[in-house]
């Protein structure tokens, strides 16, 4: 029995040596360059925004907070007259879409 284990161990060891010697040890330059680019991008300082970009970002962040808190009155102040609310949902295996003006949506929710 010990001979069978030794032979099995020897075969496994030789297989690993053969496999390791057959592997390409040269680095893949394309992958290495992509990894370096990702590291550089992650460590680079954040892009400086123009004043217009900063204003838009602030307005979107404010809207997301208002929407997340479901503050319909604050949302109403932010909407233009013809703003629409769209919804897409999966119902019994079928996708259903609908669109309604924000004024109609607000009216339904306030009832």
N, C-alpha and C. Protein backbone atom coordinates (compact mmCIF):
# COMPACT_ATOMS: atom_id res chain seq x y z
N UNK A 1 0.83 -1.19 0.00
CA UNK A 1 0.00 0.00 0.00
C UNK A 1 0.87 1.25 0.00
N UNK A 2 1.96 1.23 0.77
CA UNK A 2 2.85 2.38 0.82
C UNK A 2 3.46 2.64 -0.55
N UNK A 3 3.72 1.57 -1.32
CA UNK A 3 4.29 1.75 -2.66
C UNK A 3 3.31 2.45 -3.58
N UNK A 4 2.03 2.15 -3.46
CA UNK A 4 1.01 2.78 -4.29
C UNK A 4 0.94 4.28 -3.97
N UNK A 5 1.01 4.63 -2.69
CA UNK A 5 0.98 6.03 -2.27
C UNK A 5 2.21 6.75 -2.78
N UNK A 6 3.39 6.09 -2.67
CA UNK A 6 4.63 6.71 -3.15
C UNK A 6 4.58 6.93 -4.66
N UNK A 7 4.07 5.95 -5.39
CA UNK A 7 3.98 6.08 -6.85
C UNK A 7 2.99 7.19 -7.21
N UNK A 8 1.86 7.25 -6.52
CA UNK A 8 0.88 8.31 -6.78
C UNK A 8 1.47 9.68 -6.48
N UNK A 9 2.18 9.78 -5.36
CA UNK A 9 2.82 11.05 -4.99
C UNK A 9 3.86 11.43 -6.03
N UNK A 10 4.64 10.47 -6.50
CA UNK A 10 5.66 10.71 -7.51
C UNK A 10 5.02 11.19 -8.82
N UNK A 11 3.93 10.55 -9.22
CA UNK A 11 3.25 10.94 -10.46
C UNK A 11 2.69 12.36 -10.34
N UNK A 12 2.09 12.66 -9.21
CA UNK A 12 1.54 14.00 -9.00
C UNK A 12 2.65 15.04 -9.01
N UNK A 13 3.76 14.75 -8.33
CA UNK A 13 4.89 15.67 -8.27
C UNK A 13 5.47 15.91 -9.66
N UNK A 14 5.67 14.84 -10.42
CA UNK A 14 6.21 14.97 -11.77
C UNK A 14 5.25 15.75 -12.67
N UNK A 15 3.96 15.51 -12.48
CA UNK A 15 2.96 16.24 -13.27
C UNK A 15 3.01 17.73 -12.97
N UNK A 16 3.14 18.07 -11.69
CA UNK A 16 3.23 19.48 -11.31
C UNK A 16 4.49 20.13 -11.85
N UNK A 17 5.62 19.40 -11.79
CA UNK A 17 6.87 19.93 -12.33
C UNK A 17 6.75 20.14 -13.83
N UNK A 18 6.17 19.15 -14.52
CA UNK A 18 5.99 19.25 -15.97
C UNK A 18 5.08 20.43 -16.32
N UNK A 19 3.98 20.56 -15.56
CA UNK A 19 3.03 21.63 -15.81
C UNK A 19 3.69 23.00 -15.56
N UNK A 20 4.42 23.11 -14.45
CA UNK A 20 5.06 24.38 -14.10
C UNK A 20 6.12 24.76 -15.12
N UNK A 21 6.86 23.80 -15.62
CA UNK A 21 7.91 24.13 -16.59
C UNK A 21 7.31 24.47 -17.95
N UNK A 22 6.09 24.00 -18.22
CA UNK A 22 5.44 24.29 -19.50
C UNK A 22 4.72 25.61 -19.52
N UNK A 23 4.54 26.26 -18.35
CA UNK A 23 3.83 27.54 -18.28
C UNK A 23 4.70 28.65 -18.84
N UNK A 24 4.09 29.57 -19.51
CA UNK A 24 4.79 30.73 -20.06
C UNK A 24 5.07 31.69 -18.91
N UNK A 25 6.30 31.96 -18.63
CA UNK A 25 6.69 32.81 -17.51
C UNK A 25 6.82 34.28 -17.90
N UNK A 26 6.69 34.60 -19.19
CA UNK A 26 6.82 35.99 -19.61
C UNK A 26 5.56 36.76 -19.23
N UNK A 27 5.72 37.98 -18.73
CA UNK A 27 4.54 38.74 -18.32
C UNK A 27 3.72 39.17 -19.52
N UNK A 28 2.44 39.27 -19.30
CA UNK A 28 1.53 39.74 -20.33
C UNK A 28 1.51 41.26 -20.25
N UNK A 29 2.17 41.92 -21.20
CA UNK A 29 2.33 43.37 -21.15
C UNK A 29 1.01 44.12 -21.23
N UNK A 30 0.06 43.61 -22.01
CA UNK A 30 -1.22 44.29 -22.16
C UNK A 30 -1.97 44.32 -20.82
N UNK A 31 -2.01 43.18 -20.15
CA UNK A 31 -2.70 43.11 -18.85
C UNK A 31 -1.97 43.98 -17.85
N UNK A 32 -0.65 43.95 -17.87
CA UNK A 32 0.14 44.75 -16.94
C UNK A 32 -0.12 46.24 -17.15
N UNK A 33 -0.22 46.67 -18.41
CA UNK A 33 -0.48 48.08 -18.71
C UNK A 33 -1.89 48.48 -18.26
N UNK A 34 -2.87 47.58 -18.45
CA UNK A 34 -4.25 47.88 -18.02
C UNK A 34 -4.32 48.02 -16.51
N UNK A 35 -3.64 47.15 -15.79
CA UNK A 35 -3.64 47.23 -14.33
C UNK A 35 -2.99 48.53 -13.87
N UNK A 36 -1.86 48.89 -14.49
CA UNK A 36 -1.20 50.14 -14.13
C UNK A 36 -2.10 51.34 -14.40
N UNK A 37 -2.82 51.31 -15.54
CA UNK A 37 -3.72 52.42 -15.87
C UNK A 37 -4.85 52.53 -14.85
N UNK A 38 -5.39 51.39 -14.41
CA UNK A 38 -6.46 51.42 -13.40
C UNK A 38 -5.95 51.96 -12.08
N UNK A 39 -4.75 51.56 -11.69
CA UNK A 39 -4.17 52.04 -10.43
C UNK A 39 -3.94 53.54 -10.52
N UNK A 40 -3.42 54.00 -11.65
CA UNK A 40 -3.16 55.43 -11.84
C UNK A 40 -4.46 56.22 -11.80
N UNK A 41 -5.50 55.73 -12.48
CA UNK A 41 -6.78 56.43 -12.50
C UNK A 41 -7.40 56.48 -11.10
N UNK A 42 -7.26 55.40 -10.35
CA UNK A 42 -7.85 55.35 -9.01
C UNK A 42 -7.11 56.28 -8.05
N UNK A 43 -5.83 56.48 -8.26
CA UNK A 43 -5.06 57.31 -7.34
C UNK A 43 -4.97 58.76 -7.79
N UNK A 44 -5.45 59.07 -8.98
CA UNK A 44 -5.40 60.45 -9.49
C UNK A 44 -6.38 61.32 -8.74
N UNK A 45 -6.07 62.60 -8.56
CA UNK A 45 -7.01 63.49 -7.88
C UNK A 45 -8.29 63.62 -8.70
N UNK A 46 -9.39 63.89 -8.01
CA UNK A 46 -10.69 63.99 -8.68
C UNK A 46 -10.67 65.13 -9.69
N UNK A 47 -11.33 64.91 -10.81
CA UNK A 47 -11.41 65.91 -11.88
C UNK A 47 -12.04 67.18 -11.35
N UNK A 48 -11.45 68.30 -11.67
CA UNK A 48 -11.98 69.59 -11.23
C UNK A 48 -13.17 69.97 -12.11
N UNK A 49 -14.28 70.30 -11.47
CA UNK A 49 -15.50 70.65 -12.20
C UNK A 49 -15.55 72.15 -12.45
N UNK A 50 -16.14 72.52 -13.59
CA UNK A 50 -16.42 73.93 -13.83
C UNK A 50 -17.59 74.33 -12.93
N UNK A 51 -17.86 75.61 -12.84
CA UNK A 51 -18.96 76.07 -11.99
C UNK A 51 -20.29 75.53 -12.48
N UNK A 52 -20.50 75.50 -13.80
CA UNK A 52 -21.74 74.97 -14.36
C UNK A 52 -21.90 73.48 -14.02
N UNK A 53 -20.82 72.72 -14.16
CA UNK A 53 -20.87 71.29 -13.85
C UNK A 53 -21.15 71.08 -12.37
N UNK A 54 -20.53 71.89 -11.52
CA UNK A 54 -20.76 71.78 -10.07
C UNK A 54 -22.21 72.10 -9.73
N UNK A 55 -22.78 73.10 -10.40
CA UNK A 55 -24.18 73.47 -10.16
C UNK A 55 -25.12 72.33 -10.57
N UNK A 56 -24.85 71.74 -11.72
CA UNK A 56 -25.69 70.62 -12.19
C UNK A 56 -25.56 69.44 -11.23
N UNK A 57 -24.35 69.14 -10.81
CA UNK A 57 -24.13 68.02 -9.87
C UNK A 57 -24.88 68.28 -8.57
N UNK A 58 -24.81 69.50 -8.07
CA UNK A 58 -25.50 69.84 -6.82
C UNK A 58 -27.02 69.72 -6.98
N UNK A 59 -27.54 70.16 -8.13
CA UNK A 59 -28.99 70.07 -8.37
C UNK A 59 -29.44 68.62 -8.44
N UNK A 60 -28.67 67.78 -9.10
CA UNK A 60 -29.02 66.35 -9.20
C UNK A 60 -28.95 65.70 -7.83
N UNK A 61 -27.90 65.99 -7.07
CA UNK A 61 -27.79 65.41 -5.73
C UNK A 61 -28.95 65.86 -4.85
N UNK A 62 -29.33 67.14 -4.95
CA UNK A 62 -30.47 67.65 -4.17
C UNK A 62 -31.76 66.94 -4.58
N UNK A 63 -31.96 66.77 -5.90
CA UNK A 63 -33.16 66.08 -6.37
C UNK A 63 -33.19 64.64 -5.85
N UNK A 64 -32.06 63.95 -5.87
CA UNK A 64 -32.03 62.57 -5.40
C UNK A 64 -32.37 62.47 -3.91
N UNK A 65 -31.91 63.43 -3.15
CA UNK A 65 -32.25 63.45 -1.72
C UNK A 65 -33.74 63.69 -1.54
N UNK A 66 -34.28 64.68 -2.27
CA UNK A 66 -35.71 64.99 -2.18
C UNK A 66 -36.55 63.78 -2.61
N UNK A 67 -36.17 63.16 -3.73
CA UNK A 67 -36.90 61.99 -4.22
C UNK A 67 -36.77 60.82 -3.24
N UNK A 68 -35.59 60.64 -2.69
CA UNK A 68 -35.38 59.56 -1.73
C UNK A 68 -36.22 59.74 -0.47
N UNK A 69 -36.44 60.98 -0.08
CA UNK A 69 -37.28 61.27 1.09
C UNK A 69 -38.76 61.36 0.73
N UNK A 70 -39.06 61.21 -0.56
CA UNK A 70 -40.42 61.26 -1.08
C UNK A 70 -41.12 62.56 -0.67
N UNK A 71 -40.39 63.67 -0.79
CA UNK A 71 -40.91 65.00 -0.46
C UNK A 71 -41.55 65.57 -1.73
N UNK A 72 -42.84 65.29 -1.94
CA UNK A 72 -43.53 65.68 -3.17
C UNK A 72 -43.62 67.19 -3.34
N UNK A 73 -43.75 67.93 -2.25
CA UNK A 73 -43.83 69.39 -2.36
C UNK A 73 -42.51 69.97 -2.87
N UNK A 74 -41.41 69.48 -2.35
CA UNK A 74 -40.11 69.96 -2.82
C UNK A 74 -39.87 69.52 -4.26
N UNK A 75 -40.33 68.32 -4.62
CA UNK A 75 -40.19 67.86 -6.00
C UNK A 75 -41.02 68.74 -6.94
N UNK A 76 -42.19 69.14 -6.49
CA UNK A 76 -43.06 69.99 -7.31
C UNK A 76 -42.37 71.32 -7.62
N UNK A 77 -41.66 71.86 -6.65
CA UNK A 77 -40.95 73.13 -6.85
C UNK A 77 -39.81 72.97 -7.86
N UNK A 78 -39.29 71.78 -8.01
CA UNK A 78 -38.15 71.55 -8.91
C UNK A 78 -38.56 71.20 -10.34
N UNK A 79 -39.83 70.89 -10.56
CA UNK A 79 -40.29 70.40 -11.87
C UNK A 79 -40.77 71.53 -12.77
N UNK A 80 -40.56 71.34 -14.07
CA UNK A 80 -41.12 72.26 -15.04
C UNK A 80 -42.56 71.81 -15.33
N UNK A 81 -43.30 72.64 -16.01
CA UNK A 81 -44.73 72.39 -16.22
C UNK A 81 -45.01 71.06 -16.92
N UNK A 82 -44.24 70.70 -17.92
CA UNK A 82 -44.53 69.51 -18.71
C UNK A 82 -43.65 68.31 -18.36
N UNK A 83 -43.12 68.27 -17.15
CA UNK A 83 -42.27 67.15 -16.72
C UNK A 83 -43.10 65.87 -16.68
N UNK A 84 -42.48 64.76 -17.03
CA UNK A 84 -43.15 63.47 -17.03
C UNK A 84 -42.50 62.52 -16.04
N UNK A 85 -43.30 61.61 -15.54
CA UNK A 85 -42.82 60.53 -14.69
C UNK A 85 -43.07 59.25 -15.47
N UNK A 86 -42.02 58.47 -15.65
CA UNK A 86 -42.16 57.20 -16.36
C UNK A 86 -41.88 56.06 -15.41
N UNK A 87 -42.57 54.95 -15.62
CA UNK A 87 -42.30 53.77 -14.80
C UNK A 87 -42.24 52.55 -15.71
N UNK A 88 -41.37 51.65 -15.34
CA UNK A 88 -41.22 50.38 -16.04
C UNK A 88 -41.23 49.30 -14.98
N UNK A 89 -42.09 48.31 -15.15
CA UNK A 89 -42.17 47.25 -14.14
C UNK A 89 -42.47 45.92 -14.81
N UNK A 90 -42.04 44.87 -14.16
CA UNK A 90 -42.30 43.52 -14.63
C UNK A 90 -43.51 42.99 -13.89
N UNK A 91 -44.56 42.63 -14.64
CA UNK A 91 -45.80 42.17 -14.04
C UNK A 91 -46.22 40.88 -14.72
N UNK A 92 -46.20 39.79 -13.98
CA UNK A 92 -46.58 38.47 -14.48
C UNK A 92 -45.82 38.10 -15.74
N UNK A 93 -44.51 38.38 -15.74
CA UNK A 93 -43.65 38.00 -16.85
C UNK A 93 -43.66 38.97 -18.02
N UNK A 94 -44.44 40.04 -17.93
CA UNK A 94 -44.50 41.03 -19.01
C UNK A 94 -44.03 42.39 -18.49
N UNK A 95 -43.26 43.08 -19.33
CA UNK A 95 -42.83 44.42 -18.97
C UNK A 95 -43.94 45.40 -19.28
N UNK A 96 -44.27 46.23 -18.30
CA UNK A 96 -45.31 47.25 -18.46
C UNK A 96 -44.66 48.62 -18.29
N UNK A 97 -44.98 49.52 -19.20
CA UNK A 97 -44.45 50.88 -19.11
C UNK A 97 -45.61 51.86 -19.04
N UNK A 98 -45.38 52.97 -18.37
CA UNK A 98 -46.39 54.02 -18.32
C UNK A 98 -45.71 55.37 -18.17
N UNK A 99 -46.39 56.40 -18.66
CA UNK A 99 -45.89 57.77 -18.56
C UNK A 99 -47.05 58.65 -18.13
N UNK A 100 -46.77 59.58 -17.23
CA UNK A 100 -47.79 60.48 -16.73
C UNK A 100 -47.10 61.82 -16.44
N UNK A 101 -47.82 62.92 -16.61
CA UNK A 101 -47.21 64.21 -16.27
C UNK A 101 -47.01 64.27 -14.76
N UNK A 102 -46.02 65.05 -14.35
CA UNK A 102 -45.75 65.14 -12.92
C UNK A 102 -46.92 65.78 -12.18
N UNK A 103 -47.58 66.72 -12.82
CA UNK A 103 -48.75 67.36 -12.19
C UNK A 103 -49.84 66.33 -11.91
N UNK A 104 -50.12 65.44 -12.88
CA UNK A 104 -51.12 64.39 -12.68
C UNK A 104 -50.66 63.39 -11.61
N UNK A 105 -49.37 63.06 -11.63
CA UNK A 105 -48.82 62.15 -10.63
C UNK A 105 -48.97 62.73 -9.23
N UNK A 106 -48.64 64.00 -9.10
CA UNK A 106 -48.72 64.68 -7.82
C UNK A 106 -50.17 64.73 -7.34
N UNK A 107 -51.09 65.02 -8.26
CA UNK A 107 -52.51 65.08 -7.92
C UNK A 107 -53.00 63.73 -7.40
N UNK A 108 -52.61 62.64 -8.06
CA UNK A 108 -53.03 61.29 -7.63
C UNK A 108 -52.45 60.94 -6.26
N UNK A 109 -51.21 61.32 -6.03
CA UNK A 109 -50.56 60.97 -4.77
C UNK A 109 -51.08 61.78 -3.60
N UNK A 110 -51.58 62.98 -3.85
CA UNK A 110 -52.06 63.83 -2.77
C UNK A 110 -53.49 63.54 -2.38
N UNK A 111 -54.17 62.68 -3.12
CA UNK A 111 -55.57 62.33 -2.79
C UNK A 111 -55.63 61.41 -1.61
